[in-house]
Amino acid sequence: MSFEKIKISFKYLKRVWIFTLPILKNKFILTSIFFIVWVIFFDNNNLIDRISNLKVLNQLQKDQEYYKEKIYTDTKRLEELRTDKENLEKFAREQYLMKKKNEDIFIMVDGN
């Protein structure tokens, strides 16, 4: 860096310092800044951890809704299997490839 650029940057820093020095001398503003920094970074319930926990909570709520829906559909399907013999036989044939004694099973695989 040339001497002129350093001189310009020092002038800029001097202006910033002249502007911020009276603000930092005010004890109320200084206390407020300290409090805000403390709450955001250092507190046990800091803002960063709280945001992270809210994201996790939202994901867990979505998972909860998914599993409630899954439980509902599985319960409905289980009730159908318990009450109807034809549905039970169809389920056993499709899922476990069960067959009667004199039957042959042909599995058709779709090419798509």
C-alpha atoms as a PDB file:
ATOM      1  CA  MET A   1       0.000   0.000   0.000  1.00  0.00           C
ATOM      2  CA  SER A   2       1.146   3.443  -0.699  1.00  0.00           C
ATOM      3  CA  PHE A   3       1.491   6.143   1.888  1.00  0.00           C
ATOM      4  CA  GLU A   4      -1.520   8.045   0.468  1.00  0.00           C
ATOM      5  CA  LYS A   5      -3.838   5.052   0.869  1.00  0.00           C
ATOM      6  CA  ILE A   6      -2.721   4.545   4.462  1.00  0.00           C
ATOM      7  CA  LYS A   7      -3.224   8.254   5.149  1.00  0.00           C
ATOM      8  CA  ILE A   8      -6.764   8.080   3.711  1.00  0.00           C
ATOM      9  CA  SER A   9      -7.620   4.986   5.756  1.00  0.00           C
ATOM     10  CA  PHE A  10      -6.372   6.665   8.948  1.00  0.00           C
ATOM     11  CA  LYS A  11      -8.533   9.696   8.193  1.00  0.00           C
ATOM     12  CA  TYR A  12     -11.517   7.422   7.750  1.00  0.00           C
ATOM     13  CA  LEU A  13     -10.772   5.609  11.025  1.00  0.00           C
ATOM     14  CA  LYS A  14     -10.391   8.941  12.790  1.00  0.00           C
ATOM     15  CA  ARG A  15     -13.841  10.062  11.575  1.00  0.00           C
ATOM     16  CA  VAL A  16     -15.396   6.791  12.697  1.00  0.00           C
ATOM     17  CA  TRP A  17     -13.718   7.057  16.091  1.00  0.00           C
ATOM     18  CA  ILE A  18     -14.857  10.654  16.563  1.00  0.00           C
ATOM     19  CA  PHE A  19     -18.413   9.585  15.758  1.00  0.00           C
ATOM     20  CA  THR A  20     -18.470   6.480  17.968  1.00  0.00           C
ATOM     21  CA  LEU A  21     -16.566   7.765  21.000  1.00  0.00           C
ATOM     22  CA  PRO A  22     -19.459   9.811  22.443  1.00  0.00           C
ATOM     23  CA  ILE A  23     -21.826   6.909  21.918  1.00  0.00           C
ATOM     24  CA  LEU A  24     -19.519   4.526  23.758  1.00  0.00           C
ATOM     25  CA  LYS A  25     -19.113   6.963  26.639  1.00  0.00           C
ATOM     26  CA  ASN A  26     -22.844   6.815  27.287  1.00  0.00           C
ATOM     27  CA  LYS A  27     -23.270   4.155  29.973  1.00  0.00           C
ATOM     28  CA  PHE A  28     -26.833   3.286  28.950  1.00  0.00           C
ATOM     29  CA  ILE A  29     -25.894   2.564  25.367  1.00  0.00           C
ATOM     30  CA  LEU A  30     -22.821   0.643  26.467  1.00  0.00           C
ATOM     31  CA  THR A  31     -24.908  -1.423  28.886  1.00  0.00           C
ATOM     32  CA  SER A  32     -27.493  -2.078  26.175  1.00  0.00           C
ATOM     33  CA  ILE A  33     -24.830  -3.236  23.737  1.00  0.00           C
ATOM     34  CA  PHE A  34     -23.342  -5.504  26.390  1.00  0.00           C
ATOM     35  CA  PHE A  35     -26.784  -6.954  27.174  1.00  0.00           C
ATOM     36  CA  ILE A  36     -27.581  -7.621  23.515  1.00  0.00           C
ATOM     37  CA  VAL A  37     -24.235  -9.336  22.925  1.00  0.00           C
ATOM     38  CA  TRP A  38     -24.708 -11.392  26.092  1.00  0.00           C
ATOM     39  CA  VAL A  39     -28.204 -12.531  25.109  1.00  0.00           C
ATOM     40  CA  ILE A  40     -27.206 -13.402  21.541  1.00  0.00           C
ATOM     41  CA  PHE A  41     -24.003 -15.318  22.287  1.00  0.00           C
ATOM     42  CA  PHE A  42     -23.314 -16.186  25.938  1.00  0.00           C
ATOM     43  CA  ASP A  43     -26.557 -16.802  27.786  1.00  0.00           C
ATOM     44  CA  ASN A  44     -27.763 -20.357  28.531  1.00  0.00           C
ATOM     45  CA  ASN A  45     -30.825 -19.631  26.390  1.00  0.00           C
ATOM     46  CA  ASN A  46     -28.944 -17.702  23.739  1.00  0.00           C
ATOM     47  CA  LEU A  47     -30.513 -16.699  20.476  1.00  0.00           C
ATOM     48  CA  ILE A  48     -28.356 -18.905  18.273  1.00  0.00           C
ATOM     49  CA  ASP A  49     -29.227 -22.080  20.187  1.00  0.00           C
ATOM     50  CA  ARG A  50     -32.873 -21.057  20.326  1.00  0.00           C
ATOM     51  CA  ILE A  51     -33.073 -20.711  16.540  1.00  0.00           C
ATOM     52  CA  SER A  52     -31.366 -24.080  16.135  1.00  0.00           C
ATOM     53  CA  ASN A  53     -33.798 -25.681  18.594  1.00  0.00           C
ATOM     54  CA  LEU A  54     -36.772 -24.169  16.767  1.00  0.00           C
ATOM     55  CA  LYS A  55     -35.596 -25.750  13.516  1.00  0.00           C
ATOM     56  CA  VAL A  56     -35.282 -29.119  15.235  1.00  0.00           C
ATOM     57  CA  LEU A  57     -38.723 -28.669  16.817  1.00  0.00           C
ATOM     58  CA  ASN A  58     -40.321 -27.914  13.436  1.00  0.00           C
ATOM     59  CA  GLN A  59     -38.724 -31.015  11.923  1.00  0.00           C
ATOM     60  CA  LEU A  60     -39.913 -33.160  14.836  1.00  0.00           C
ATOM     61  CA  GLN A  61     -43.454 -31.818  14.468  1.00  0.00           C
ATOM     62  CA  LYS A  62     -43.424 -32.712  10.769  1.00  0.00           C
ATOM     63  CA  ASP A  63     -42.177 -36.191  11.655  1.00  0.00           C
ATOM     64  CA  GLN A  64     -44.906 -36.503  14.282  1.00  0.00           C
ATOM     65  CA  GLU A  65     -47.615 -35.669  11.731  1.00  0.00           C
ATOM     66  CA  TYR A  66     -46.130 -38.173   9.274  1.00  0.00           C
ATOM     67  CA  TYR A  67     -46.079 -40.957  11.849  1.00  0.00           C
ATOM     68  CA  LYS A  68     -49.595 -40.174  13.050  1.00  0.00           C
ATOM     69  CA  GLU A  69     -50.838 -40.505   9.469  1.00  0.00           C
ATOM     70  CA  LYS A  70     -48.820 -43.719   9.030  1.00  0.00           C
ATOM     71  CA  ILE A  71     -50.258 -45.174  12.251  1.00  0.00           C
ATOM     72  CA  TYR A  72     -53.762 -44.285  11.110  1.00  0.00           C
ATOM     73  CA  THR A  73     -53.375 -45.964   7.714  1.00  0.00           C
ATOM     74  CA  ASP A  74     -51.684 -49.037   9.177  1.00  0.00           C
ATOM     75  CA  THR A  75     -54.368 -49.385  11.848  1.00  0.00           C
ATOM     76  CA  LYS A  76     -57.061 -49.151   9.189  1.00  0.00           C
ATOM     77  CA  ARG A  77     -55.318 -51.750   7.037  1.00  0.00           C
ATOM     78  CA  LEU A  78     -54.789 -54.072  10.014  1.00  0.00           C
ATOM     79  CA  GLU A  79     -58.463 -53.831  10.907  1.00  0.00           C
ATOM     80  CA  GLU A  80     -59.382 -54.748   7.325  1.00  0.00           C
ATOM     81  CA  LEU A  81     -57.081 -57.763   7.464  1.00  0.00           C
ATOM     82  CA  ARG A  82     -58.512 -58.935  10.774  1.00  0.00           C
ATOM     83  CA  THR A  83     -62.137 -58.690   9.683  1.00  0.00           C
ATOM     84  CA  ASP A  84     -62.131 -59.948   6.091  1.00  0.00           C
ATOM     85  CA  LYS A  85     -60.704 -63.335   5.086  1.00  0.00           C
ATOM     86  CA  GLU A  86     -60.479 -62.378   1.409  1.00  0.00           C
ATOM     87  CA  ASN A  87     -58.360 -59.316   2.184  1.00  0.00           C
ATOM     88  CA  LEU A  88     -56.087 -61.414   4.396  1.00  0.00           C
ATOM     89  CA  GLU A  89     -55.606 -63.966   1.633  1.00  0.00           C
ATOM     90  CA  LYS A  90     -54.962 -61.234  -0.942  1.00  0.00           C
ATOM     91  CA  PHE A  91     -52.428 -59.565   1.356  1.00  0.00           C
ATOM     92  CA  ALA A  92     -50.611 -62.850   2.017  1.00  0.00           C
ATOM     93  CA  ARG A  93     -50.471 -63.669  -1.681  1.00  0.00           C
ATOM     94  CA  GLU A  94     -49.198 -60.212  -2.705  1.00  0.00           C
ATOM     95  CA  GLN A  95     -46.767 -59.496   0.101  1.00  0.00           C
ATOM     96  CA  TYR A  96     -45.385 -62.929   0.962  1.00  0.00           C
ATOM     97  CA  LEU A  97     -45.978 -64.738  -2.356  1.00  0.00           C
ATOM     98  CA  MET A  98     -48.008 -67.443  -0.623  1.00  0.00           C
ATOM     99  CA  LYS A  99     -49.942 -69.889  -2.744  1.00  0.00           C
ATOM    100  CA  LYS A 100     -52.309 -72.805  -2.537  1.00  0.00           C
ATOM    101  CA  LYS A 101     -50.995 -76.366  -3.019  1.00  0.00           C
ATOM    102  CA  ASN A 102     -51.895 -76.752  -6.678  1.00  0.00           C
ATOM    103  CA  GLU A 103     -51.007 -73.242  -7.897  1.00  0.00           C
ATOM    104  CA  ASP A 104     -48.075 -71.752  -9.709  1.00  0.00           C
ATOM    105  CA  ILE A 105     -46.998 -68.133  -9.165  1.00  0.00           C
ATOM    106  CA  PHE A 106     -45.695 -66.030 -12.013  1.00  0.00           C
ATOM    107  CA  ILE A 107     -44.069 -62.749 -11.038  1.00  0.00           C
ATOM    108  CA  MET A 108     -44.436 -60.059 -13.668  1.00  0.00           C
ATOM    109  CA  VAL A 109     -41.768 -57.359 -13.505  1.00  0.00           C
ATOM    110  CA  ASP A 110     -42.590 -54.053 -15.128  1.00  0.00           C
ATOM    111  CA  GLY A 111     -39.778 -52.801 -17.387  1.00  0.00           C
ATOM    112  CA  ASN A 112     -40.229 -49.103 -16.474  1.00  0.00           C
END
